[in-house]
């Protein structure tokens, strides 16, 4: 007999609204461009929110999208991006709500609309809102090295 089944619930829109989201298009010298989405959360600031509840919410998103530790092979997590005009949203596993991405930029949108690859990362450590490219790069380096980042490959949903 096994112990009780443990699962982490997918957080609702209130939690998702507190997430920090960064997008960028990486163009390596010889590589195919890859669009990136980084999701994290600001330090706890709402009543009742703690570092533990924030991490549990993020891990609920990780579980729902079947992300894997960043040190592992990046799995395909299916078509989770929805584009409607200038708006892009992520199906993060909630049965009724999506997470709207902040204006990702024209090149990023063109790349995604053309079916280009997208790497989705969730970092468990706090990400300060408004972090610039250097801060995001340092953040990613740290959370990947410490096993506190989860990734998956996704693309646009055509239905």
N, C-alpha and C. Protein backbone atom coordinates (compact mmCIF):
# COMPACT_ATOMS: atom_id res chain seq x y z
N UNK A 1 0.85 -1.17 0.00
CA UNK A 1 0.00 0.00 0.00
C UNK A 1 0.89 1.23 0.00
N UNK A 2 0.49 2.24 -0.73
CA UNK A 2 1.26 3.48 -0.80
C UNK A 2 0.62 4.52 0.08
N UNK A 3 1.36 5.60 0.31
CA UNK A 3 0.87 6.70 1.13
C UNK A 3 -0.15 7.53 0.38
N UNK A 4 -0.64 8.60 0.99
CA UNK A 4 -1.62 9.46 0.35
C UNK A 4 -1.04 10.10 -0.91
N UNK A 5 -1.88 10.25 -1.90
CA UNK A 5 -1.48 10.87 -3.16
C UNK A 5 -1.31 12.37 -2.93
N UNK A 6 -0.15 12.89 -3.31
CA UNK A 6 0.11 14.32 -3.14
C UNK A 6 0.11 14.98 -4.52
N UNK A 7 -0.52 16.12 -4.61
CA UNK A 7 -0.50 16.88 -5.84
C UNK A 7 -0.55 18.36 -5.49
N UNK A 8 -0.09 19.15 -6.42
CA UNK A 8 -0.13 20.60 -6.22
C UNK A 8 -1.17 21.15 -7.18
N UNK A 9 -2.08 21.91 -6.65
CA UNK A 9 -3.15 22.48 -7.44
C UNK A 9 -2.62 23.57 -8.37
N UNK A 10 -3.26 23.70 -9.52
CA UNK A 10 -2.94 24.78 -10.44
C UNK A 10 -3.50 26.07 -9.84
N UNK A 11 -2.66 27.08 -9.70
CA UNK A 11 -3.15 28.32 -9.07
C UNK A 11 -4.13 29.07 -9.98
N UNK A 12 -4.95 29.87 -9.35
CA UNK A 12 -5.95 30.65 -10.07
C UNK A 12 -5.42 31.97 -10.59
N UNK A 13 -6.32 32.79 -11.12
CA UNK A 13 -5.90 34.04 -11.75
C UNK A 13 -5.30 35.05 -10.78
N UNK A 14 -5.68 35.01 -9.50
CA UNK A 14 -5.09 35.94 -8.54
C UNK A 14 -3.60 35.69 -8.39
N UNK A 15 -3.22 34.43 -8.31
CA UNK A 15 -1.80 34.08 -8.22
C UNK A 15 -1.09 34.44 -9.54
N UNK A 16 -1.70 34.06 -10.66
CA UNK A 16 -1.09 34.31 -11.97
C UNK A 16 -0.86 35.81 -12.19
N UNK A 17 -1.76 36.63 -11.66
CA UNK A 17 -1.60 38.09 -11.82
C UNK A 17 -0.36 38.59 -11.09
N UNK A 18 0.10 37.88 -10.08
CA UNK A 18 1.30 38.27 -9.35
C UNK A 18 2.58 37.74 -9.95
N UNK A 19 2.46 36.96 -11.02
CA UNK A 19 3.65 36.42 -11.67
C UNK A 19 4.38 37.50 -12.45
N UNK A 20 5.69 37.38 -12.49
CA UNK A 20 6.49 38.24 -13.36
C UNK A 20 6.79 37.43 -14.62
N UNK A 21 6.64 38.06 -15.77
CA UNK A 21 6.83 37.36 -17.04
C UNK A 21 7.77 38.19 -17.91
N UNK A 22 8.78 37.53 -18.43
CA UNK A 22 9.72 38.16 -19.37
C UNK A 22 9.71 37.35 -20.66
N UNK A 23 9.80 38.04 -21.77
CA UNK A 23 9.90 37.38 -23.07
C UNK A 23 11.05 37.99 -23.85
N UNK A 24 11.70 37.16 -24.64
CA UNK A 24 12.75 37.66 -25.53
C UNK A 24 12.99 36.63 -26.61
N UNK A 25 13.63 37.07 -27.69
CA UNK A 25 13.98 36.20 -28.80
C UNK A 25 15.49 36.09 -28.84
N UNK A 26 15.99 34.87 -28.69
CA UNK A 26 17.44 34.64 -28.69
C UNK A 26 17.87 34.20 -30.08
N UNK A 27 18.84 34.91 -30.63
CA UNK A 27 19.40 34.57 -31.93
C UNK A 27 20.88 34.27 -31.74
N UNK A 28 21.21 32.97 -31.75
CA UNK A 28 22.61 32.57 -31.68
C UNK A 28 23.25 32.73 -33.05
N UNK A 29 24.57 32.68 -33.11
CA UNK A 29 25.30 32.88 -34.36
C UNK A 29 24.88 31.86 -35.43
N UNK A 30 24.75 30.61 -35.08
CA UNK A 30 24.42 29.57 -36.07
C UNK A 30 23.10 28.87 -35.77
N UNK A 31 22.53 29.15 -34.65
CA UNK A 31 21.33 28.45 -34.21
C UNK A 31 20.06 29.04 -34.81
N UNK A 32 19.01 28.23 -34.78
CA UNK A 32 17.68 28.71 -35.12
C UNK A 32 17.24 29.61 -33.97
N UNK A 33 16.61 30.74 -34.26
CA UNK A 33 16.13 31.60 -33.16
C UNK A 33 15.15 30.83 -32.26
N UNK A 34 15.19 31.15 -30.97
CA UNK A 34 14.28 30.54 -30.01
C UNK A 34 13.64 31.66 -29.20
N UNK A 35 12.31 31.65 -29.16
CA UNK A 35 11.58 32.59 -28.31
C UNK A 35 11.60 32.04 -26.89
N UNK A 36 11.75 32.92 -25.92
CA UNK A 36 11.78 32.51 -24.52
C UNK A 36 10.67 33.20 -23.74
N UNK A 37 10.13 32.44 -22.76
CA UNK A 37 9.19 32.98 -21.79
C UNK A 37 9.72 32.55 -20.42
N UNK A 38 9.96 33.52 -19.56
CA UNK A 38 10.38 33.24 -18.19
C UNK A 38 9.27 33.69 -17.26
N UNK A 39 8.81 32.75 -16.42
CA UNK A 39 7.78 33.05 -15.43
C UNK A 39 8.38 32.87 -14.05
N UNK A 40 8.18 33.85 -13.23
CA UNK A 40 8.59 33.79 -11.84
C UNK A 40 7.52 34.48 -11.02
N UNK A 41 7.88 34.88 -9.83
CA UNK A 41 6.92 35.57 -8.98
C UNK A 41 7.67 36.58 -8.15
N UNK A 42 7.05 37.69 -7.92
CA UNK A 42 7.65 38.70 -7.05
C UNK A 42 7.71 38.14 -5.63
N UNK A 43 8.53 38.73 -4.77
CA UNK A 43 8.53 38.29 -3.37
C UNK A 43 7.12 38.41 -2.79
N UNK A 44 6.78 37.60 -1.78
CA UNK A 44 5.44 37.64 -1.19
C UNK A 44 5.05 39.06 -0.80
N UNK A 45 3.82 39.44 -1.17
CA UNK A 45 3.36 40.79 -0.84
C UNK A 45 1.87 40.86 -0.54
N UNK A 46 1.12 39.83 -0.86
CA UNK A 46 -0.31 39.84 -0.59
C UNK A 46 -0.57 39.23 0.79
N UNK A 47 -1.69 39.58 1.42
CA UNK A 47 -2.01 38.99 2.73
C UNK A 47 -2.03 37.47 2.65
N UNK A 48 -1.34 36.83 3.59
CA UNK A 48 -1.32 35.38 3.65
C UNK A 48 -0.31 34.72 2.73
N UNK A 49 0.32 35.49 1.88
CA UNK A 49 1.29 34.93 0.94
C UNK A 49 2.65 34.79 1.63
N UNK A 50 3.26 33.63 1.44
CA UNK A 50 4.59 33.38 1.99
C UNK A 50 5.48 32.83 0.88
N UNK A 51 6.76 32.74 1.14
CA UNK A 51 7.67 32.14 0.16
C UNK A 51 7.22 30.72 -0.18
N UNK A 52 6.71 30.00 0.81
CA UNK A 52 6.27 28.62 0.59
C UNK A 52 5.01 28.56 -0.28
N UNK A 53 4.05 29.46 -0.04
CA UNK A 53 2.82 29.42 -0.86
C UNK A 53 3.11 29.84 -2.29
N UNK A 54 4.04 30.78 -2.47
CA UNK A 54 4.42 31.19 -3.82
C UNK A 54 5.08 30.03 -4.55
N UNK A 55 6.01 29.36 -3.88
CA UNK A 55 6.69 28.22 -4.51
C UNK A 55 5.69 27.11 -4.85
N UNK A 56 4.76 26.84 -3.95
CA UNK A 56 3.75 25.82 -4.22
C UNK A 56 2.90 26.18 -5.43
N UNK A 57 2.53 27.46 -5.57
CA UNK A 57 1.78 27.90 -6.74
C UNK A 57 2.56 27.71 -8.03
N UNK A 58 3.83 28.10 -8.00
CA UNK A 58 4.68 27.92 -9.19
C UNK A 58 4.84 26.45 -9.53
N UNK A 59 5.02 25.61 -8.51
CA UNK A 59 5.15 24.17 -8.75
C UNK A 59 3.84 23.56 -9.24
N UNK A 60 2.70 24.14 -8.88
CA UNK A 60 1.43 23.72 -9.45
C UNK A 60 1.40 23.96 -10.95
N UNK A 61 1.95 25.10 -11.38
CA UNK A 61 2.05 25.39 -12.81
C UNK A 61 3.03 24.42 -13.49
N UNK A 62 4.16 24.16 -12.83
CA UNK A 62 5.16 23.21 -13.35
C UNK A 62 4.50 21.84 -13.57
N UNK A 63 3.78 21.35 -12.56
CA UNK A 63 3.13 20.05 -12.67
C UNK A 63 2.09 20.04 -13.79
N UNK A 64 1.27 21.07 -13.86
CA UNK A 64 0.18 21.12 -14.85
C UNK A 64 0.70 21.14 -16.28
N UNK A 65 1.86 21.77 -16.48
CA UNK A 65 2.42 21.85 -17.84
C UNK A 65 3.45 20.77 -18.12
N UNK A 66 3.70 19.91 -17.12
CA UNK A 66 4.66 18.82 -17.27
C UNK A 66 6.07 19.32 -17.60
N UNK A 67 6.47 20.41 -16.94
CA UNK A 67 7.83 20.91 -17.11
C UNK A 67 8.80 20.00 -16.38
N UNK A 68 10.05 20.02 -16.81
CA UNK A 68 11.09 19.20 -16.20
C UNK A 68 12.20 20.10 -15.67
N UNK A 69 13.01 19.60 -14.72
CA UNK A 69 14.14 20.40 -14.24
C UNK A 69 14.99 20.87 -15.42
N UNK A 70 15.48 22.10 -15.33
CA UNK A 70 16.23 22.70 -16.44
C UNK A 70 17.48 21.90 -16.80
N UNK A 71 18.03 21.15 -15.85
CA UNK A 71 19.23 20.36 -16.12
C UNK A 71 18.91 19.12 -16.96
N UNK A 72 17.63 18.74 -17.05
CA UNK A 72 17.22 17.58 -17.85
C UNK A 72 17.00 18.00 -19.30
N UNK A 73 16.69 17.02 -20.12
CA UNK A 73 16.33 17.31 -21.51
C UNK A 73 15.01 18.07 -21.51
N UNK A 74 14.92 19.11 -22.31
CA UNK A 74 13.71 19.94 -22.35
C UNK A 74 12.59 19.17 -23.06
N UNK A 75 11.49 18.89 -22.35
CA UNK A 75 10.40 18.12 -22.97
C UNK A 75 9.47 19.01 -23.79
N UNK A 76 8.81 18.40 -24.75
CA UNK A 76 7.75 19.10 -25.47
C UNK A 76 6.51 19.04 -24.58
N UNK A 77 5.90 20.20 -24.36
CA UNK A 77 4.73 20.26 -23.47
C UNK A 77 3.45 20.58 -24.23
N UNK A 78 3.51 20.47 -25.56
CA UNK A 78 2.33 20.72 -26.38
C UNK A 78 2.18 22.19 -26.73
N UNK A 79 1.17 22.46 -27.54
CA UNK A 79 0.90 23.82 -28.01
C UNK A 79 0.13 24.57 -26.93
N UNK A 80 0.80 25.49 -26.26
CA UNK A 80 0.19 26.18 -25.11
C UNK A 80 0.03 27.69 -25.32
N UNK A 81 0.49 28.21 -26.44
CA UNK A 81 0.37 29.66 -26.66
C UNK A 81 -0.80 29.95 -27.58
N UNK A 82 -1.58 30.95 -27.21
CA UNK A 82 -2.73 31.39 -28.00
C UNK A 82 -2.50 32.84 -28.37
N UNK A 83 -2.59 33.13 -29.66
CA UNK A 83 -2.39 34.50 -30.15
C UNK A 83 -3.71 34.99 -30.73
N UNK A 84 -4.16 36.12 -30.24
CA UNK A 84 -5.38 36.77 -30.74
C UNK A 84 -5.03 38.23 -30.97
N UNK A 85 -4.79 38.59 -32.23
CA UNK A 85 -4.39 39.96 -32.55
C UNK A 85 -3.07 40.27 -31.85
N UNK A 86 -3.02 41.37 -31.12
CA UNK A 86 -1.75 41.73 -30.46
C UNK A 86 -1.53 41.03 -29.12
N UNK A 87 -2.48 40.18 -28.72
CA UNK A 87 -2.41 39.55 -27.41
C UNK A 87 -1.92 38.11 -27.50
N UNK A 88 -1.07 37.74 -26.55
CA UNK A 88 -0.57 36.37 -26.45
C UNK A 88 -0.86 35.88 -25.04
N UNK A 89 -1.40 34.68 -24.95
CA UNK A 89 -1.71 34.09 -23.65
C UNK A 89 -1.15 32.68 -23.59
N UNK A 90 -0.85 32.26 -22.37
CA UNK A 90 -0.30 30.93 -22.11
C UNK A 90 -1.34 30.09 -21.38
N UNK A 91 -1.61 28.92 -21.92
CA UNK A 91 -2.43 27.94 -21.22
C UNK A 91 -1.51 27.28 -20.19
N UNK A 92 -1.61 27.71 -18.94
CA UNK A 92 -0.71 27.21 -17.91
C UNK A 92 -1.31 26.04 -17.12
N UNK A 93 -2.42 25.49 -17.62
CA UNK A 93 -2.99 24.31 -17.02
C UNK A 93 -4.25 24.52 -16.21
N UNK A 94 -4.65 25.77 -16.00
CA UNK A 94 -5.89 26.03 -15.28
C UNK A 94 -7.07 25.70 -16.20
N UNK A 95 -8.13 25.11 -15.68
CA UNK A 95 -9.25 24.72 -16.54
C UNK A 95 -10.03 25.89 -17.15
N UNK A 96 -9.93 27.10 -16.57
CA UNK A 96 -10.73 28.23 -17.07
C UNK A 96 -9.93 29.46 -17.44
N UNK A 97 -8.70 29.59 -16.96
CA UNK A 97 -7.96 30.83 -17.14
C UNK A 97 -6.62 30.61 -17.84
N UNK A 98 -6.21 31.63 -18.58
CA UNK A 98 -4.90 31.65 -19.22
C UNK A 98 -4.09 32.78 -18.58
N UNK A 99 -2.79 32.76 -18.79
CA UNK A 99 -1.90 33.82 -18.32
C UNK A 99 -1.54 34.68 -19.53
N UNK A 100 -1.95 35.93 -19.50
CA UNK A 100 -1.62 36.83 -20.61
C UNK A 100 -0.18 37.28 -20.48
N UNK A 101 0.57 37.19 -21.59
CA UNK A 101 1.96 37.63 -21.60
C UNK A 101 2.00 39.12 -21.90
N UNK A 102 2.86 39.85 -21.21
CA UNK A 102 2.97 41.28 -21.50
C UNK A 102 3.61 41.47 -22.88
N UNK A 103 3.13 42.40 -23.64
CA UNK A 103 3.60 42.75 -24.99
C UNK A 103 4.97 42.18 -25.33
N UNK A 104 5.01 40.99 -25.97
CA UNK A 104 6.29 40.35 -26.22
C UNK A 104 7.14 40.97 -27.33
N UNK A 105 6.60 41.82 -28.13
CA UNK A 105 7.39 42.45 -29.20
C UNK A 105 7.08 41.83 -30.55
N UNK A 106 7.30 42.62 -31.58
CA UNK A 106 6.94 42.23 -32.95
C UNK A 106 7.73 41.03 -33.43
N UNK A 107 9.06 41.03 -33.26
CA UNK A 107 9.88 39.91 -33.73
C UNK A 107 9.52 38.61 -33.01
N UNK A 108 9.31 38.69 -31.71
CA UNK A 108 8.93 37.53 -30.93
C UNK A 108 7.62 36.97 -31.47
N UNK A 109 6.64 37.84 -31.69
CA UNK A 109 5.32 37.41 -32.20
C UNK A 109 5.42 36.80 -33.60
N UNK A 110 6.21 37.42 -34.47
CA UNK A 110 6.39 36.86 -35.82
C UNK A 110 6.99 35.46 -35.75
N UNK A 111 7.99 35.31 -34.92
CA UNK A 111 8.66 34.01 -34.76
C UNK A 111 7.66 32.95 -34.29
N UNK A 112 6.87 33.28 -33.29
CA UNK A 112 5.90 32.34 -32.73
C UNK A 112 4.80 32.05 -33.75
N UNK A 113 4.30 33.08 -34.42
CA UNK A 113 3.24 32.91 -35.42
C UNK A 113 3.69 32.02 -36.58
N UNK A 114 4.98 32.04 -36.88
CA UNK A 114 5.53 31.22 -37.95
C UNK A 114 5.81 29.78 -37.48
N UNK A 115 5.48 29.47 -36.23
CA UNK A 115 5.68 28.12 -35.71
C UNK A 115 7.06 27.89 -35.12
N UNK A 116 7.79 28.98 -34.85
CA UNK A 116 9.13 28.85 -34.28
C UNK A 116 9.09 28.30 -32.87
N UNK A 117 10.21 27.70 -32.43
CA UNK A 117 10.26 27.10 -31.09
C UNK A 117 10.23 28.14 -29.98
N UNK A 118 9.61 27.74 -28.88
CA UNK A 118 9.50 28.58 -27.69
C UNK A 118 9.95 27.76 -26.49
N UNK A 119 10.84 28.32 -25.70
CA UNK A 119 11.30 27.69 -24.47
C UNK A 119 10.63 28.40 -23.29
N UNK A 120 9.87 27.65 -22.52
CA UNK A 120 9.18 28.18 -21.35
C UNK A 120 9.95 27.76 -20.11
N UNK A 121 10.26 28.72 -19.26
CA UNK A 121 10.99 28.45 -18.01
C UNK A 121 10.21 29.02 -16.84
N UNK A 122 10.09 28.24 -15.79
CA UNK A 122 9.56 28.74 -14.52
C UNK A 122 10.69 28.67 -13.52
N UNK A 123 10.97 29.82 -12.91
CA UNK A 123 11.99 29.90 -11.87
C UNK A 123 11.32 30.03 -10.51
N UNK A 124 11.82 29.31 -9.53
CA UNK A 124 11.18 29.30 -8.21
C UNK A 124 11.64 30.44 -7.30
N UNK A 125 12.78 31.03 -7.57
CA UNK A 125 13.25 32.14 -6.74
C UNK A 125 12.54 33.43 -7.16
N UNK A 126 12.38 34.38 -6.24
CA UNK A 126 11.71 35.63 -6.60
C UNK A 126 12.41 36.37 -7.73
N UNK A 127 11.60 36.92 -8.62
CA UNK A 127 12.10 37.75 -9.73
C UNK A 127 11.54 39.14 -9.51
N UNK A 128 12.40 40.13 -9.34
CA UNK A 128 11.85 41.48 -9.15
C UNK A 128 11.20 41.99 -10.44
N UNK A 129 10.02 42.60 -10.33
CA UNK A 129 9.38 43.17 -11.52
C UNK A 129 10.31 44.19 -12.18
N UNK A 130 10.31 44.20 -13.51
CA UNK A 130 11.11 45.16 -14.25
C UNK A 130 12.56 44.79 -14.39
N UNK A 131 12.93 43.54 -14.09
CA UNK A 131 14.32 43.11 -14.22
C UNK A 131 14.74 43.21 -15.69
N UNK A 132 15.88 43.83 -15.94
CA UNK A 132 16.40 43.98 -17.29
C UNK A 132 17.11 42.74 -17.77
N UNK A 133 17.60 42.76 -19.02
CA UNK A 133 18.24 41.58 -19.62
C UNK A 133 19.41 41.02 -18.80
N UNK A 134 20.26 41.89 -18.26
CA UNK A 134 21.40 41.39 -17.47
C UNK A 134 20.92 40.71 -16.19
N UNK A 135 19.92 41.29 -15.54
CA UNK A 135 19.39 40.69 -14.31
C UNK A 135 18.69 39.37 -14.61
N UNK A 136 17.98 39.29 -15.74
CA UNK A 136 17.31 38.04 -16.12
C UNK A 136 18.34 36.97 -16.42
N UNK A 137 19.41 37.32 -17.13
CA UNK A 137 20.46 36.35 -17.44
C UNK A 137 21.11 35.82 -16.15
N UNK A 138 21.41 36.71 -15.22
CA UNK A 138 22.01 36.30 -13.95
C UNK A 138 21.04 35.42 -13.16
N UNK A 139 19.77 35.79 -13.18
CA UNK A 139 18.74 35.00 -12.50
C UNK A 139 18.69 33.59 -13.07
N UNK A 140 18.62 33.48 -14.40
CA UNK A 140 18.55 32.16 -15.04
C UNK A 140 19.77 31.31 -14.72
N UNK A 141 20.93 31.91 -14.78
CA UNK A 141 22.17 31.19 -14.45
C UNK A 141 22.09 30.62 -13.05
N UNK A 142 21.61 31.42 -12.10
CA UNK A 142 21.52 31.00 -10.70
C UNK A 142 20.48 29.90 -10.49
N UNK A 143 19.26 30.08 -11.01
CA UNK A 143 18.21 29.09 -10.74
C UNK A 143 18.46 27.78 -11.46
N UNK A 144 19.08 27.82 -12.62
CA UNK A 144 19.42 26.58 -13.31
C UNK A 144 20.51 25.84 -12.52
N UNK A 145 21.53 26.56 -12.07
CA UNK A 145 22.64 25.95 -11.33
C UNK A 145 22.19 25.37 -10.00
N UNK A 146 21.17 25.95 -9.39
CA UNK A 146 20.72 25.48 -8.08
C UNK A 146 19.52 24.52 -8.16
N UNK A 147 19.11 24.15 -9.37
CA UNK A 147 18.00 23.22 -9.54
C UNK A 147 16.64 23.82 -9.23
N UNK A 148 16.53 25.15 -9.37
CA UNK A 148 15.26 25.83 -9.06
C UNK A 148 14.60 26.41 -10.30
N UNK A 149 14.85 25.75 -11.45
CA UNK A 149 14.23 26.17 -12.71
C UNK A 149 13.68 24.93 -13.42
N UNK A 150 12.53 25.11 -14.06
CA UNK A 150 11.87 24.04 -14.81
C UNK A 150 11.58 24.55 -16.21
N UNK A 151 11.73 23.67 -17.21
CA UNK A 151 11.58 24.10 -18.61
C UNK A 151 10.70 23.15 -19.41
N UNK A 152 10.21 23.67 -20.51
CA UNK A 152 9.49 22.89 -21.50
C UNK A 152 9.48 23.65 -22.81
N UNK A 153 9.34 22.91 -23.90
CA UNK A 153 9.25 23.51 -25.24
C UNK A 153 7.80 23.54 -25.66
N UNK A 154 7.36 24.68 -26.15
CA UNK A 154 5.96 24.84 -26.56
C UNK A 154 5.90 25.61 -27.87
N UNK A 155 4.71 25.83 -28.35
CA UNK A 155 4.50 26.58 -29.59
C UNK A 155 3.07 27.11 -29.60
N UNK A 156 2.73 27.73 -30.73
CA UNK A 156 1.41 28.33 -30.88
C UNK A 156 0.35 27.26 -31.12
N UNK A 157 -0.81 27.49 -30.55
CA UNK A 157 -1.95 26.61 -30.74
C UNK A 157 -2.72 27.13 -31.95
N UNK A 158 -2.96 26.26 -32.90
CA UNK A 158 -3.62 26.68 -34.16
C UNK A 158 -5.10 26.37 -34.19
N UNK A 159 -5.75 26.34 -33.07
CA UNK A 159 -7.19 26.09 -33.07
C UNK A 159 -7.90 27.05 -32.19
